[in-house]
Amino acid sequence: MSSANVVNLTDANFDAEVINSAQPVLVDFYASWCGPCKILSPVVDALADQFAGKARVGKVDTDNARAVSVKHGITALPTLLVFKNGQVVKRWVGLTRKEDIAAVLTEVSGK
């Protein structure tokens, strides 16, 4: 992960970092072998920097965090979820434009 503003999410810390977060959270479900995930990764990193202090950003390696991936119905990669108050408010599957993600993060963060 290239951005210091991206949290590495696991089965063990997901609830504490995402579900119980006071800020909205963008979660990138990815795998190291996934080509589209590699394309999307710099976009997620840039959003983490852009929304620092307004929204949190985390990444879940689905190969290493199977329980949380199954719990949230991840069946294709990459999948992006936006959580607010512990609930999923937006889901994207596949490559997604930075502008579309930023618009939702702006809306849910109120900033």
C-alpha atoms as a PDB file:
ATOM      1  CA  MET A   1       0.000   0.000   0.000  1.00  0.00           C
ATOM      2  CA  SER A   2       1.455   3.283  -1.028  1.00  0.00           C
ATOM      3  CA  SER A   3      -0.692   5.688   0.977  1.00  0.00           C
ATOM      4  CA  ALA A   4      -0.157   6.094   4.713  1.00  0.00           C
ATOM      5  CA  ASN A   5      -3.873   6.969   4.901  1.00  0.00           C
ATOM      6  CA  VAL A   6      -4.972   3.455   3.894  1.00  0.00           C
ATOM      7  CA  VAL A   7      -5.716   0.991   6.694  1.00  0.00           C
ATOM      8  CA  ASN A   8      -4.958  -2.706   6.156  1.00  0.00           C
ATOM      9  CA  LEU A   9      -8.200  -4.431   7.137  1.00  0.00           C
ATOM     10  CA  THR A  10      -8.424  -8.024   8.368  1.00  0.00           C
ATOM     11  CA  ASP A  11     -11.026 -10.335   9.840  1.00  0.00           C
ATOM     12  CA  ALA A  12      -9.687  -9.345  13.275  1.00  0.00           C
ATOM     13  CA  ASN A  13      -9.845  -5.553  12.952  1.00  0.00           C
ATOM     14  CA  PHE A  14     -12.691  -4.978  10.459  1.00  0.00           C
ATOM     15  CA  ASP A  15     -15.429  -4.239  12.991  1.00  0.00           C
ATOM     16  CA  ALA A  16     -13.238  -1.884  15.024  1.00  0.00           C
ATOM     17  CA  GLU A  17     -11.914  -0.018  11.985  1.00  0.00           C
ATOM     18  CA  VAL A  18     -15.045   0.032   9.793  1.00  0.00           C
ATOM     19  CA  ILE A  19     -18.287  -0.896  11.538  1.00  0.00           C
ATOM     20  CA  ASN A  20     -17.523   1.164  14.665  1.00  0.00           C
ATOM     21  CA  SER A  21     -15.915   4.093  12.817  1.00  0.00           C
ATOM     22  CA  ALA A  22     -17.293   7.566  13.510  1.00  0.00           C
ATOM     23  CA  GLN A  23     -16.338   8.545   9.940  1.00  0.00           C
ATOM     24  CA  PRO A  24     -17.590   7.036   6.686  1.00  0.00           C
ATOM     25  CA  VAL A  25     -15.271   4.316   5.374  1.00  0.00           C
ATOM     26  CA  LEU A  26     -14.422   3.285   1.818  1.00  0.00           C
ATOM     27  CA  VAL A  27     -13.371  -0.370   1.741  1.00  0.00           C
ATOM     28  CA  ASP A  28     -11.560  -1.882  -1.246  1.00  0.00           C
ATOM     29  CA  PHE A  29     -11.912  -5.677  -1.411  1.00  0.00           C
ATOM     30  CA  TYR A  30      -9.057  -6.927  -3.614  1.00  0.00           C
ATOM     31  CA  ALA A  31      -6.630  -9.779  -4.262  1.00  0.00           C
ATOM     32  CA  SER A  32      -2.963  -9.595  -5.231  1.00  0.00           C
ATOM     33  CA  TRP A  33      -3.571 -11.716  -8.343  1.00  0.00           C
ATOM     34  CA  CYS A  34      -6.461  -9.526  -9.612  1.00  0.00           C
ATOM     35  CA  GLY A  35      -5.505  -7.363 -12.613  1.00  0.00           C
ATOM     36  CA  PRO A  36      -8.377  -4.852 -12.320  1.00  0.00           C
ATOM     37  CA  CYS A  37      -7.599  -4.552  -8.584  1.00  0.00           C
ATOM     38  CA  LYS A  38      -4.064  -3.446  -9.448  1.00  0.00           C
ATOM     39  CA  ILE A  39      -5.465  -0.806 -11.802  1.00  0.00           C
ATOM     40  CA  LEU A  40      -7.880   0.493  -9.137  1.00  0.00           C
ATOM     41  CA  SER A  41      -5.353   0.499  -6.277  1.00  0.00           C
ATOM     42  CA  PRO A  42      -3.719   3.884  -7.097  1.00  0.00           C
ATOM     43  CA  VAL A  43      -7.198   5.440  -7.345  1.00  0.00           C
ATOM     44  CA  VAL A  44      -8.076   4.161  -3.869  1.00  0.00           C
ATOM     45  CA  ASP A  45      -4.738   5.443  -2.524  1.00  0.00           C
ATOM     46  CA  ALA A  46      -5.384   8.892  -4.032  1.00  0.00           C
ATOM     47  CA  LEU A  47      -8.868   8.991  -2.515  1.00  0.00           C
ATOM     48  CA  ALA A  48      -7.392   8.088   0.881  1.00  0.00           C
ATOM     49  CA  ASP A  49      -5.146  11.132   0.658  1.00  0.00           C
ATOM     50  CA  GLN A  50      -7.890  13.383  -0.743  1.00  0.00           C
ATOM     51  CA  PHE A  51     -10.388  12.493   2.011  1.00  0.00           C
ATOM     52  CA  ALA A  52      -7.962  12.254   4.948  1.00  0.00           C
ATOM     53  CA  GLY A  53      -9.747  13.633   8.011  1.00  0.00           C
ATOM     54  CA  LYS A  54     -13.172  13.379   6.328  1.00  0.00           C
ATOM     55  CA  ALA A  55     -13.505   9.672   5.528  1.00  0.00           C
ATOM     56  CA  ARG A  56     -11.393   6.603   6.186  1.00  0.00           C
ATOM     57  CA  VAL A  57     -10.114   4.240   3.509  1.00  0.00           C
ATOM     58  CA  GLY A  58      -9.169   0.610   4.001  1.00  0.00           C
ATOM     59  CA  LYS A  59      -8.244  -2.400   1.900  1.00  0.00           C
ATOM     60  CA  VAL A  60      -9.178  -6.029   2.470  1.00  0.00           C
ATOM     61  CA  ASP A  61      -7.066  -8.765   0.878  1.00  0.00           C
ATOM     62  CA  THR A  62      -9.837 -11.283   0.269  1.00  0.00           C
ATOM     63  CA  ASP A  63      -7.391 -14.197   0.227  1.00  0.00           C
ATOM     64  CA  ASN A  64      -6.365 -13.384   3.809  1.00  0.00           C
ATOM     65  CA  ALA A  65      -9.684 -12.121   5.188  1.00  0.00           C
ATOM     66  CA  ARG A  66     -12.195 -14.675   4.021  1.00  0.00           C
ATOM     67  CA  ALA A  67     -14.695 -14.299   6.885  1.00  0.00           C
ATOM     68  CA  VAL A  68     -15.293 -10.576   6.363  1.00  0.00           C
ATOM     69  CA  SER A  69     -15.365 -11.051   2.587  1.00  0.00           C
ATOM     70  CA  VAL A  70     -18.051 -13.739   2.843  1.00  0.00           C
ATOM     71  CA  LYS A  71     -20.002 -11.711   5.421  1.00  0.00           C
ATOM     72  CA  HIS A  72     -20.263  -8.802   2.989  1.00  0.00           C
ATOM     73  CA  GLY A  73     -21.120 -10.945  -0.034  1.00  0.00           C
ATOM     74  CA  ILE A  74     -17.968 -10.304  -2.034  1.00  0.00           C
ATOM     75  CA  THR A  75     -18.277 -12.479  -5.138  1.00  0.00           C
ATOM     76  CA  ALA A  76     -16.274 -10.440  -7.680  1.00  0.00           C
ATOM     77  CA  LEU A  77     -13.132  -8.313  -7.510  1.00  0.00           C
ATOM     78  CA  PRO A  78     -12.543  -5.523  -7.104  1.00  0.00           C
ATOM     79  CA  THR A  79     -15.539  -4.566  -4.985  1.00  0.00           C
ATOM     80  CA  LEU A  80     -15.748  -1.225  -3.221  1.00  0.00           C
ATOM     81  CA  LEU A  81     -18.125  -0.633  -0.326  1.00  0.00           C
ATOM     82  CA  VAL A  82     -18.857   2.638   1.438  1.00  0.00           C
ATOM     83  CA  PHE A  83     -19.930   2.273   5.057  1.00  0.00           C
ATOM     84  CA  LYS A  84     -21.623   4.962   7.137  1.00  0.00           C
ATOM     85  CA  ASN A  85     -22.656   4.305  10.728  1.00  0.00           C
ATOM     86  CA  GLY A  86     -21.720   0.654  10.254  1.00  0.00           C
ATOM     87  CA  GLN A  87     -24.029   0.139   7.266  1.00  0.00           C
ATOM     88  CA  VAL A  88     -23.213  -0.271   3.575  1.00  0.00           C
ATOM     89  CA  VAL A  89     -24.537   2.792   1.728  1.00  0.00           C
ATOM     90  CA  LYS A  90     -22.893   2.196  -1.673  1.00  0.00           C
ATOM     91  CA  ARG A  91     -21.392  -0.760  -3.560  1.00  0.00           C
ATOM     92  CA  TRP A  92     -19.397  -0.855  -6.786  1.00  0.00           C
ATOM     93  CA  VAL A  93     -18.228  -4.050  -8.479  1.00  0.00           C
ATOM     94  CA  GLY A  94     -15.420  -3.820 -11.011  1.00  0.00           C
ATOM     95  CA  LEU A  95     -13.426  -0.815 -12.120  1.00  0.00           C
ATOM     96  CA  THR A  96     -14.988   2.429 -10.978  1.00  0.00           C
ATOM     97  CA  ARG A  97     -14.216   6.042 -11.844  1.00  0.00           C
ATOM     98  CA  LYS A  98     -12.453   8.114  -9.197  1.00  0.00           C
ATOM     99  CA  GLU A  99     -14.969  10.928  -9.697  1.00  0.00           C
ATOM    100  CA  ASP A 100     -17.906   8.628  -8.936  1.00  0.00           C
ATOM    101  CA  ILE A 101     -16.320   7.364  -5.737  1.00  0.00           C
ATOM    102  CA  ALA A 102     -15.296  10.882  -4.669  1.00  0.00           C
ATOM    103  CA  ALA A 103     -18.853  12.161  -5.190  1.00  0.00           C
ATOM    104  CA  VAL A 104     -20.263   9.519  -2.838  1.00  0.00           C
ATOM    105  CA  LEU A 105     -17.538  10.107  -0.237  1.00  0.00           C
ATOM    106  CA  THR A 106     -18.217  13.844  -0.369  1.00  0.00           C
ATOM    107  CA  GLU A 107     -21.939  13.210   0.116  1.00  0.00           C
ATOM    108  CA  VAL A 108     -21.605  10.788   3.032  1.00  0.00           C
ATOM    109  CA  SER A 109     -18.880  12.755   4.802  1.00  0.00           C
ATOM    110  CA  GLY A 110     -20.846  15.996   4.552  1.00  0.00           C
ATOM    111  CA  LYS A 111     -17.647  17.780   3.524  1.00  0.00           C
END
